[in-house]
Amino acid sequence: MCSAPARPVHPAPEPVPAGPVPLAARMRAVRGSAIRDLLTLTARHDVLSLAGGLPAVDLMPHERIAAATARALAAPAAVQYSETAGIGALREAVAAHESARTGRDLGPADVVVTSGSQQALDLLARATLDPGAAVVVEDPAYVGALQVFQAAGAVLHGVPVDADGMDLDALERLLDGGLRPRLVHTVASFHNPRGVTLSQQRRARLARLADRYGFLVVEDDPYGLIAFEGPPPVPVAAHGDRVARLGSASKILAPALRVGWLVAPPEVGAAVERLKQSTDLCGSALTQTVAAELLADTDWLQRHLDGLRVAYRSRARAFTAAVDEAFGDAVERSTPTGGMFCWLRFTDGRDTSALLARAIEHGVAFVPGSAFAVHDPLTSALRCSFATYPEPVLQDAVRRLARAAAPSTASSTATAS
C-alpha cells in the first residue's frame, strides 16, 4: 500500500500584539472637515458661529413641513421601504424642477434621490473613479468634495477661482498639457467658500471642454436658487450633456429632511443607483413624501424662495457693512450676490488659523481659509456664513471678531460680550 505524502508542517503564525484596529490605507488621505469639527465647539450658547453653512432656522417653513408630515403619515407607503432611486412623486417633482432650470426634457427616470447631495457626490465618485484617477477641483474647494475625492483615492488638481468663478484659462492649460481628468467639480453658483458665480460665458465654455476632452462636469448646486437679484443662474447642464447635477432641499427647505438628488447621463445615474442599493437600500419615504409635496407646490415654493432671497440679501448686506466699518482696508472681502457665504482676507497676511482660537475666546467662530486649500495655503483668508443669524446678531459677531483681531488682544485673553 502506498502511504499518503506527508503534509508540510508550517510554523504557527506569531500572535499579533493587541493594538488599534487597522484601517484601510486610503483613510490616510482623508482629512477631517474643519467645519464639522467646529460644530461641536461652536454649539456653545456663548459662541456666535459664522463657521457652518447653516440655513436660518427662523426662515424654515416649519408649519408647512408639519402639515405635510401629518398628511404623509396617513399614507402607509410613507412609512415603508421605497424604491432605491426615490419615491415616484419626488422624482417627478425634481424632474420638473430641473427641466425648468436647464431647458432639457427630463423625466423621473433621470433622477436619483439621495440622502442629501453629499451622498450623491460620494456615490458619484465611487461610480466613476478608480484609485489614482485625476479630478479637477476649484481652489479653494468645497471641503465635502475634498473629503469624497480623497476617500476615492483620486489625485486632485486645483484650479484657481476669480471673481467670475473657475479660471478656465488655467483649466485649459492643464488639459493642453496632457491632464485627462475623469471629473471636474464646480460649485458654479454662489461658490462655497468664495461666494462667486461662474459666468455664463464660462459655463458654456466648460461644457464644450467636457465634450472635447471627455470628462464629466460635476455641477454641485445647493445654492443656485438663492439669488439675491434676478433669476437663478442658468446651470452648466443647459450647455451640454456631460454634466452631473447635484441638488438639495437642505438649503431651501430644511437640512433634517436629508433629501438630495442627482441628475446625470443615464449610465452614471444607473451606476449610482446600484451603489446606493449597497449603501442604504433606500432613503426615507417619509421625508421624501414631505419634500415632494413642497417642491411640487410651485406657487408656494416660489413665495417661500422669494422670502428667503430677501432675508438672506438683507443679512449679507448687514454683515458686509459691519465688516467694512470694523476692519476698513485691513480686510478684503467678496460681495455676496446669492447663497450663504462671504470670503475675507486679511491684507497684513496674518494667520487666520491662529486667530480662530482668540476669536472663540471672544465668542465668535469662522472657518480658516486653510480648510479649503488645495495648492494655495490661504492662511490669511477665512469664510463666514451670514445666513444663520438676523442682522443685529451678525453685527455683534463682527464686533467680536474685530476685538479678537485687534493687536492689543493678540497675547491676552478676553471674554465675549
Protein backbone atom coordinates (compact mmCIF):
# COMPACT_ATOMS: atom_id res chain seq x y z
CA MET A 1 0.00 0.00 0.00
CA CYS A 2 1.14 3.47 -0.78
CA SER A 3 1.14 5.89 2.08
CA ALA A 4 -0.14 9.41 1.59
CA PRO A 5 2.58 12.02 1.28
CA ALA A 6 3.31 13.81 4.49
CA ARG A 7 1.80 17.27 4.71
CA PRO A 8 4.32 20.05 5.11
CA VAL A 9 4.43 21.44 8.58
CA HIS A 10 4.10 25.23 8.74
CA PRO A 11 5.08 27.08 11.86
CA ALA A 12 2.23 28.61 13.76
CA PRO A 13 1.87 32.31 12.98
CA GLU A 14 3.13 34.68 15.59
CA PRO A 15 0.33 36.33 17.55
CA VAL A 16 -0.40 39.91 16.60
CA PRO A 17 0.01 42.25 19.56
CA ALA A 18 -3.18 43.95 20.65
CA GLY A 19 -3.47 47.50 19.43
CA PRO A 20 -5.64 49.84 17.37
CA VAL A 21 -7.86 48.20 14.77
CA PRO A 22 -6.12 48.65 11.39
CA LEU A 23 -7.84 50.88 8.86
CA ALA A 24 -7.77 50.89 5.07
CA ALA A 25 -4.75 52.62 3.57
CA ARG A 26 -6.98 55.07 1.70
CA MET A 27 -8.06 56.60 5.03
CA ARG A 28 -4.61 58.17 5.35
CA ALA A 29 -5.52 60.54 2.52
CA VAL A 30 -8.86 61.66 4.00
CA ARG A 31 -8.55 64.75 6.14
CA GLY A 32 -11.24 65.72 8.59
CA SER A 33 -13.70 68.51 7.91
CA ALA A 34 -12.71 71.61 9.86
CA ILE A 35 -16.30 72.75 9.56
CA ARG A 36 -17.77 69.57 11.07
CA ASP A 37 -15.11 69.64 13.79
CA LEU A 38 -16.04 73.22 14.64
CA LEU A 39 -19.74 72.47 15.07
CA THR A 40 -19.27 70.79 18.44
CA LEU A 41 -17.21 73.66 19.79
CA THR A 42 -19.41 76.38 18.37
CA ALA A 43 -22.61 74.78 19.64
CA ARG A 44 -21.86 76.58 22.90
CA HIS A 45 -24.53 79.15 23.67
CA ASP A 46 -21.90 81.84 24.17
CA VAL A 47 -20.32 81.45 20.72
CA LEU A 48 -21.81 83.10 17.63
CA SER A 49 -20.83 80.74 14.85
CA LEU A 50 -20.20 82.15 11.40
CA ALA A 51 -18.49 78.84 10.59
CA GLY A 52 -21.10 76.34 9.43
CA GLY A 53 -23.24 76.86 6.36
CA LEU A 54 -26.36 76.50 8.46
CA PRO A 55 -29.59 77.83 6.96
CA ALA A 56 -31.61 80.07 9.23
CA VAL A 57 -33.96 78.10 11.48
CA ASP A 58 -36.32 81.08 11.69
CA LEU A 59 -36.72 81.06 7.88
CA MET A 60 -37.55 77.36 7.55
CA PRO A 61 -41.22 76.57 6.71
CA HIS A 62 -41.96 74.79 9.98
CA GLU A 63 -45.76 74.89 9.76
CA ARG A 64 -45.84 73.72 6.15
CA ILE A 65 -43.41 70.88 6.92
CA ALA A 66 -45.51 69.85 9.93
CA ALA A 67 -48.70 69.80 7.88
CA ALA A 68 -47.08 67.85 5.06
CA THR A 69 -45.66 65.37 7.57
CA ALA A 70 -49.09 64.80 9.10
CA ARG A 71 -50.51 64.10 5.65
CA ALA A 72 -47.63 61.80 4.80
CA LEU A 73 -48.10 59.75 7.98
CA ALA A 74 -51.66 58.99 6.88
CA ALA A 75 -50.29 57.15 3.83
CA PRO A 76 -48.97 53.62 4.57
CA ALA A 77 -46.36 53.85 1.80
CA ALA A 78 -44.68 56.77 3.55
CA VAL A 79 -43.52 54.55 6.43
CA GLN A 80 -42.49 51.57 4.29
CA TYR A 81 -39.35 50.72 2.32
CA SER A 82 -39.30 52.50 -1.02
CA GLU A 83 -37.53 52.38 -4.36
CA THR A 84 -33.77 52.84 -4.17
CA ALA A 85 -33.92 55.74 -6.64
CA GLY A 86 -36.56 57.55 -4.60
CA ILE A 87 -40.33 57.70 -4.46
CA GLY A 88 -42.03 58.49 -7.75
CA ALA A 89 -43.70 61.70 -6.60
CA LEU A 90 -40.39 63.27 -5.55
CA ARG A 91 -38.54 62.17 -8.67
CA GLU A 92 -41.34 63.65 -10.76
CA ALA A 93 -41.19 66.96 -8.86
CA VAL A 94 -37.40 67.14 -9.16
CA ALA A 95 -37.51 66.27 -12.87
CA ALA A 96 -39.97 69.11 -13.49
CA HIS A 97 -37.83 71.49 -11.44
CA GLU A 98 -34.63 70.51 -13.24
CA SER A 99 -36.29 70.66 -16.66
CA ALA A 100 -37.32 74.24 -15.99
CA ARG A 101 -33.81 75.16 -14.79
CA THR A 102 -31.85 73.52 -17.61
CA GLY A 103 -34.30 73.73 -20.53
CA ARG A 104 -33.97 69.97 -21.04
CA ASP A 105 -36.78 67.42 -21.20
CA LEU A 106 -36.18 65.32 -18.09
CA GLY A 107 -38.37 62.65 -16.56
CA PRO A 108 -38.48 60.78 -13.23
CA ALA A 109 -36.18 58.08 -14.62
CA ASP A 110 -33.42 60.71 -14.95
CA VAL A 111 -33.41 61.42 -11.19
CA VAL A 112 -31.78 59.50 -8.33
CA VAL A 113 -32.82 60.73 -4.87
CA THR A 114 -30.12 60.59 -2.19
CA SER A 115 -29.65 61.35 1.49
CA GLY A 116 -28.58 64.92 0.90
CA SER A 117 -26.40 66.00 -2.00
CA GLN A 118 -23.29 64.86 -0.11
CA GLN A 119 -24.34 61.24 -0.55
CA ALA A 120 -24.92 61.91 -4.23
CA LEU A 121 -21.37 63.23 -4.54
CA ASP A 122 -19.94 60.23 -2.69
CA LEU A 123 -21.84 57.70 -4.79
CA LEU A 124 -20.89 59.54 -7.98
CA ALA A 125 -17.21 59.43 -7.04
CA ARG A 126 -17.41 55.73 -6.23
CA ALA A 127 -19.16 55.06 -9.53
CA THR A 128 -16.68 56.93 -11.74
CA LEU A 129 -13.26 56.99 -10.04
CA ASP A 130 -10.56 54.38 -9.76
CA PRO A 131 -7.67 54.98 -7.33
CA GLY A 132 -5.22 57.38 -8.93
CA ALA A 133 -7.80 58.97 -11.22
CA ALA A 134 -7.34 62.69 -11.86
CA VAL A 135 -10.01 65.05 -10.55
CA VAL A 136 -10.04 68.82 -11.02
CA VAL A 137 -11.42 70.90 -8.17
CA GLU A 138 -11.64 74.62 -7.56
CA ASP A 139 -9.00 76.15 -5.31
CA PRO A 140 -10.30 76.99 -2.72
CA ALA A 141 -12.62 73.97 -2.79
CA TYR A 142 -15.75 72.79 -1.04
CA VAL A 143 -14.49 70.74 1.93
CA GLY A 144 -17.02 67.96 1.42
CA ALA A 145 -15.80 67.43 -2.14
CA LEU A 146 -12.19 67.20 -0.97
CA GLN A 147 -13.15 64.50 1.53
CA VAL A 148 -15.09 62.48 -1.03
CA PHE A 149 -12.37 62.56 -3.67
CA GLN A 150 -9.63 61.81 -1.17
CA ALA A 151 -11.62 58.80 0.07
CA ALA A 152 -11.91 57.59 -3.54
CA GLY A 153 -8.13 57.74 -3.93
CA ALA A 154 -8.25 60.46 -6.57
CA VAL A 155 -5.34 62.72 -7.44
CA LEU A 156 -6.54 66.30 -7.03
CA HIS A 157 -5.61 69.16 -9.34
CA GLY A 158 -6.65 72.61 -8.14
CA VAL A 159 -7.73 75.40 -10.49
CA PRO A 160 -7.89 78.97 -9.16
CA VAL A 161 -11.14 80.84 -8.65
CA ASP A 162 -11.54 84.52 -9.50
CA ALA A 163 -14.46 86.95 -9.50
CA ASP A 164 -16.11 85.06 -12.39
CA GLY A 165 -15.67 81.59 -10.93
CA MET A 166 -13.32 78.81 -12.02
CA ASP A 167 -10.40 80.09 -14.13
CA LEU A 168 -11.00 78.19 -17.35
CA ASP A 169 -7.78 79.50 -18.92
CA ALA A 170 -5.91 77.71 -16.14
CA LEU A 171 -8.03 74.59 -16.64
CA GLU A 172 -7.40 74.59 -20.38
CA ARG A 173 -3.65 74.91 -19.83
CA LEU A 174 -3.79 71.74 -17.73
CA LEU A 175 -5.78 69.97 -20.42
CA ASP A 176 -3.46 71.14 -23.20
CA GLY A 177 -0.56 69.90 -21.09
CA GLY A 178 -1.94 66.37 -21.13
CA LEU A 179 -4.09 66.16 -18.00
CA ARG A 180 -7.14 63.98 -18.57
CA PRO A 181 -9.39 64.28 -15.55
CA ARG A 182 -12.27 61.91 -15.01
CA LEU A 183 -14.27 64.63 -13.21
CA VAL A 184 -14.22 68.43 -12.94
CA HIS A 185 -16.09 69.56 -9.82
CA THR A 186 -17.56 73.05 -9.52
CA VAL A 187 -19.88 74.90 -7.17
CA ALA A 188 -20.75 77.19 -10.05
CA SER A 189 -23.42 79.32 -8.36
CA PHE A 190 -22.58 81.34 -5.22
CA HIS A 191 -19.46 79.33 -4.60
CA ASN A 192 -18.63 77.63 -1.32
CA PRO A 193 -16.38 79.10 0.06
CA ARG A 194 -15.61 82.07 -2.22
CA GLY A 195 -19.20 83.19 -2.83
CA VAL A 196 -18.56 83.99 -6.52
CA THR A 197 -20.57 82.76 -9.51
CA LEU A 198 -19.27 81.17 -12.71
CA SER A 199 -20.14 83.48 -15.61
CA GLN A 200 -22.49 82.26 -18.33
CA GLN A 201 -19.71 82.51 -20.89
CA ARG A 202 -17.51 80.26 -18.78
CA ARG A 203 -20.37 77.81 -18.20
CA ALA A 204 -20.80 77.28 -21.91
CA ARG A 205 -17.04 77.01 -22.36
CA LEU A 206 -16.77 74.42 -19.56
CA ALA A 207 -19.43 72.27 -21.24
CA ARG A 208 -17.51 72.48 -24.54
CA LEU A 209 -14.28 71.45 -22.82
CA ALA A 210 -16.08 68.46 -21.30
CA ASP A 211 -17.16 67.36 -24.77
CA ARG A 212 -13.69 67.91 -26.24
CA TYR A 213 -11.68 66.17 -23.51
CA GLY A 214 -14.20 63.58 -22.33
CA PHE A 215 -14.52 64.48 -18.65
CA LEU A 216 -17.74 64.74 -16.63
CA VAL A 217 -18.61 68.08 -15.05
CA VAL A 218 -19.98 67.69 -11.52
CA GLU A 219 -22.20 70.74 -11.01
CA ASP A 220 -22.78 70.94 -7.26
CA ASP A 221 -25.72 73.33 -6.91
CA PRO A 222 -27.20 73.64 -3.41
CA TYR A 223 -27.34 77.47 -3.51
CA GLY A 224 -28.41 78.29 -7.08
CA LEU A 225 -31.99 79.18 -6.14
CA ILE A 226 -30.86 81.74 -3.56
CA ALA A 227 -30.05 84.55 -6.00
CA PHE A 228 -30.45 87.98 -4.43
CA GLU A 229 -31.26 89.81 -7.67
CA GLY A 230 -32.94 88.42 -10.77
CA PRO A 231 -33.48 84.79 -11.76
CA PRO A 232 -31.16 81.97 -10.66
CA PRO A 233 -28.11 81.40 -12.90
CA VAL A 234 -28.66 79.10 -15.88
CA PRO A 235 -26.93 75.80 -14.99
CA VAL A 236 -23.88 74.40 -16.76
CA ALA A 237 -26.08 71.44 -17.70
CA ALA A 238 -28.07 73.73 -20.00
CA HIS A 239 -24.99 73.91 -22.23
CA GLY A 240 -24.05 70.25 -22.63
CA ASP A 241 -24.75 66.59 -21.88
CA ARG A 242 -21.58 65.64 -19.98
CA VAL A 243 -22.82 67.17 -16.71
CA ALA A 244 -23.99 65.58 -13.47
CA ARG A 245 -26.10 67.99 -11.43
CA LEU A 246 -26.37 67.65 -7.66
CA GLY A 247 -29.26 69.36 -5.90
CA SER A 248 -30.54 69.59 -2.35
CA ALA A 249 -33.57 70.56 -0.31
CA SER A 250 -31.37 71.33 2.71
CA LYS A 251 -30.68 75.00 1.98
CA ILE A 252 -34.17 75.88 0.72
CA LEU A 253 -36.42 73.74 2.96
CA ALA A 254 -34.70 72.04 5.90
CA PRO A 255 -31.49 70.02 6.31
CA ALA A 256 -33.20 67.43 8.54
CA LEU A 257 -35.24 66.18 5.59
CA ARG A 258 -31.96 64.77 4.20
CA VAL A 259 -33.23 65.00 0.63
CA GLY A 260 -30.81 65.50 -2.22
CA TRP A 261 -30.70 64.33 -5.81
CA LEU A 262 -28.56 63.60 -8.81
CA VAL A 263 -29.42 64.15 -12.48
CA ALA A 264 -26.73 62.71 -14.73
CA PRO A 265 -26.11 60.85 -18.01
CA PRO A 266 -28.11 57.58 -17.93
CA GLU A 267 -25.13 55.26 -17.43
CA VAL A 268 -23.91 57.35 -14.50
CA GLY A 269 -27.34 57.51 -12.85
CA ALA A 270 -27.76 53.75 -13.20
CA ALA A 271 -24.37 53.11 -11.59
CA VAL A 272 -25.15 55.48 -8.71
CA GLU A 273 -28.46 53.71 -8.11
CA ARG A 274 -26.73 50.30 -7.96
CA LEU A 275 -24.22 51.60 -5.44
CA LYS A 276 -26.99 53.15 -3.37
CA GLN A 277 -28.58 49.72 -3.05
CA SER A 278 -25.47 48.51 -1.25
CA THR A 279 -25.23 51.66 0.87
CA ASP A 280 -28.67 52.12 2.41
CA LEU A 281 -31.18 50.17 0.24
CA CYS A 282 -33.37 53.28 0.08
CA GLY A 283 -33.90 56.65 1.66
CA SER A 284 -36.69 57.75 3.96
CA ALA A 285 -40.02 57.55 2.18
CA LEU A 286 -41.47 59.78 4.90
CA THR A 287 -39.19 62.78 4.36
CA GLN A 288 -39.24 62.25 0.60
CA THR A 289 -43.04 62.43 0.66
CA VAL A 290 -42.86 65.69 2.59
CA ALA A 291 -40.27 67.15 0.20
CA ALA A 292 -42.28 66.02 -2.82
CA GLU A 293 -45.35 67.92 -1.64
CA LEU A 294 -43.41 71.12 -1.03
CA LEU A 295 -41.40 71.02 -4.26
CA ALA A 296 -44.45 70.19 -6.36
CA ASP A 297 -46.42 73.16 -4.97
CA THR A 298 -44.66 75.59 -7.28
CA ASP A 299 -46.66 78.69 -6.31
CA TRP A 300 -45.96 78.17 -2.62
CA LEU A 301 -42.31 77.30 -3.33
CA GLN A 302 -41.81 80.48 -5.33
CA ARG A 303 -43.21 82.61 -2.49
CA HIS A 304 -41.02 80.80 0.01
CA LEU A 305 -37.89 81.26 -2.14
CA ASP A 306 -38.69 84.94 -2.63
CA GLY A 307 -38.81 85.35 1.13
CA LEU A 308 -35.50 83.52 1.58
CA ARG A 309 -33.81 85.71 -1.02
CA VAL A 310 -34.98 88.93 0.59
CA ALA A 311 -33.93 87.81 4.06
CA TYR A 312 -30.51 86.49 3.04
CA ARG A 313 -29.82 89.56 0.93
CA SER A 314 -30.54 91.76 3.93
CA ARG A 315 -28.31 89.66 6.16
CA ALA A 316 -25.48 89.68 3.60
CA ARG A 317 -25.62 93.47 3.36
CA ALA A 318 -25.67 93.89 7.12
CA PHE A 319 -22.71 91.56 7.51
CA THR A 320 -20.57 93.18 4.79
CA ALA A 321 -21.37 96.68 6.05
CA ALA A 322 -20.30 95.65 9.54
CA VAL A 323 -17.06 94.18 8.16
CA ASP A 324 -16.31 97.38 6.25
CA GLU A 325 -16.95 99.50 9.33
CA ALA A 326 -14.94 97.30 11.70
CA PHE A 327 -11.95 96.49 9.50
CA GLY A 328 -11.74 99.04 6.70
CA ASP A 329 -8.73 98.39 4.44
CA ALA A 330 -7.38 95.70 6.77
CA VAL A 331 -9.71 93.16 5.16
CA GLU A 332 -10.61 92.46 1.54
CA ARG A 333 -13.95 90.73 1.08
CA SER A 334 -16.26 89.32 -1.54
CA THR A 335 -19.63 90.91 -2.29
CA PRO A 336 -22.29 88.20 -1.98
CA THR A 337 -24.92 88.16 -4.75
CA GLY A 338 -26.59 84.98 -3.52
CA GLY A 339 -26.03 81.91 -1.40
CA MET A 340 -24.75 81.96 2.17
CA PHE A 341 -21.05 82.88 2.28
CA CYS A 342 -18.63 85.79 2.36
CA TRP A 343 -14.87 85.31 1.81
CA LEU A 344 -12.50 87.58 3.70
CA ARG A 345 -8.73 88.07 3.50
CA PHE A 346 -6.52 89.99 5.92
CA THR A 347 -4.26 92.28 3.91
CA ASP A 348 -1.48 92.07 6.51
CA GLY A 349 -1.13 88.32 5.86
CA ARG A 350 -1.99 87.21 9.40
CA ASP A 351 -2.66 83.53 10.03
CA THR A 352 -6.40 83.02 10.48
CA SER A 353 -5.93 79.56 12.00
CA ALA A 354 -4.13 81.24 14.90
CA LEU A 355 -6.79 83.95 15.00
CA LEU A 356 -9.57 81.38 15.38
CA ALA A 357 -8.56 80.44 18.93
CA ARG A 358 -8.68 84.10 20.02
CA ALA A 359 -11.97 84.59 18.18
CA ILE A 360 -13.58 81.72 20.09
CA GLU A 361 -12.36 83.30 23.35
CA HIS A 362 -14.29 86.40 22.24
CA GLY A 363 -17.39 84.34 21.45
CA VAL A 364 -17.29 84.12 17.65
CA ALA A 365 -16.16 81.45 15.18
CA PHE A 366 -15.34 81.20 11.47
CA VAL A 367 -13.60 78.73 9.16
CA PRO A 368 -9.94 79.48 8.35
CA GLY A 369 -9.13 79.58 4.64
CA SER A 370 -6.63 76.74 5.02
CA ALA A 371 -9.57 74.33 5.47
CA PHE A 372 -10.46 74.83 1.80
CA ALA A 373 -6.94 74.87 0.40
CA VAL A 374 -5.78 72.58 -2.42
CA HIS A 375 -2.48 74.17 -3.52
CA ASP A 376 -2.56 77.76 -2.28
CA PRO A 377 -2.32 77.61 1.56
CA LEU A 378 -4.84 80.50 2.00
CA THR A 379 -3.53 81.18 5.51
CA SER A 380 -4.72 84.81 5.62
CA ALA A 381 -8.27 84.06 4.43
CA LEU A 382 -11.46 82.99 6.19
CA ARG A 383 -15.02 82.04 5.30
CA CYS A 384 -18.04 83.39 7.13
CA SER A 385 -21.69 82.44 6.74
CA PHE A 386 -24.17 85.29 7.08
CA ALA A 387 -27.25 83.07 6.75
CA THR A 388 -27.77 81.71 10.24
CA TYR A 389 -28.45 84.85 12.27
CA PRO A 390 -30.56 88.02 11.91
CA GLU A 391 -28.85 91.34 11.26
CA PRO A 392 -28.24 92.54 14.86
CA VAL A 393 -26.58 89.26 15.80
CA LEU A 394 -24.37 89.38 12.71
CA GLN A 395 -23.26 92.89 13.62
CA ASP A 396 -22.41 91.71 17.13
CA ALA A 397 -20.45 88.77 15.69
CA VAL A 398 -18.36 91.10 13.53
CA ARG A 399 -17.62 93.34 16.51
CA ARG A 400 -16.42 90.31 18.47
CA LEU A 401 -14.22 89.28 15.55
CA ALA A 402 -12.75 92.77 15.33
CA ARG A 403 -11.89 92.72 19.04
CA ALA A 404 -10.25 89.31 18.63
CA ALA A 405 -8.22 90.60 15.67
CA ALA A 406 -7.10 93.81 17.38
CA PRO A 407 -3.34 93.88 18.10
CA SER A 408 -3.91 94.52 21.80
CA THR A 409 -5.69 91.16 22.13
CA ALA A 410 -3.12 89.09 20.32
CA SER A 411 -1.46 87.99 23.55
CA SER A 412 -4.28 88.40 26.03
CA THR A 413 -7.48 86.60 26.81
CA ALA A 414 -10.79 88.40 26.75
CA THR A 415 -14.32 87.35 27.47
CA ALA A 416 -17.17 87.59 24.98
CA SER A 417 -19.55 90.44 25.42
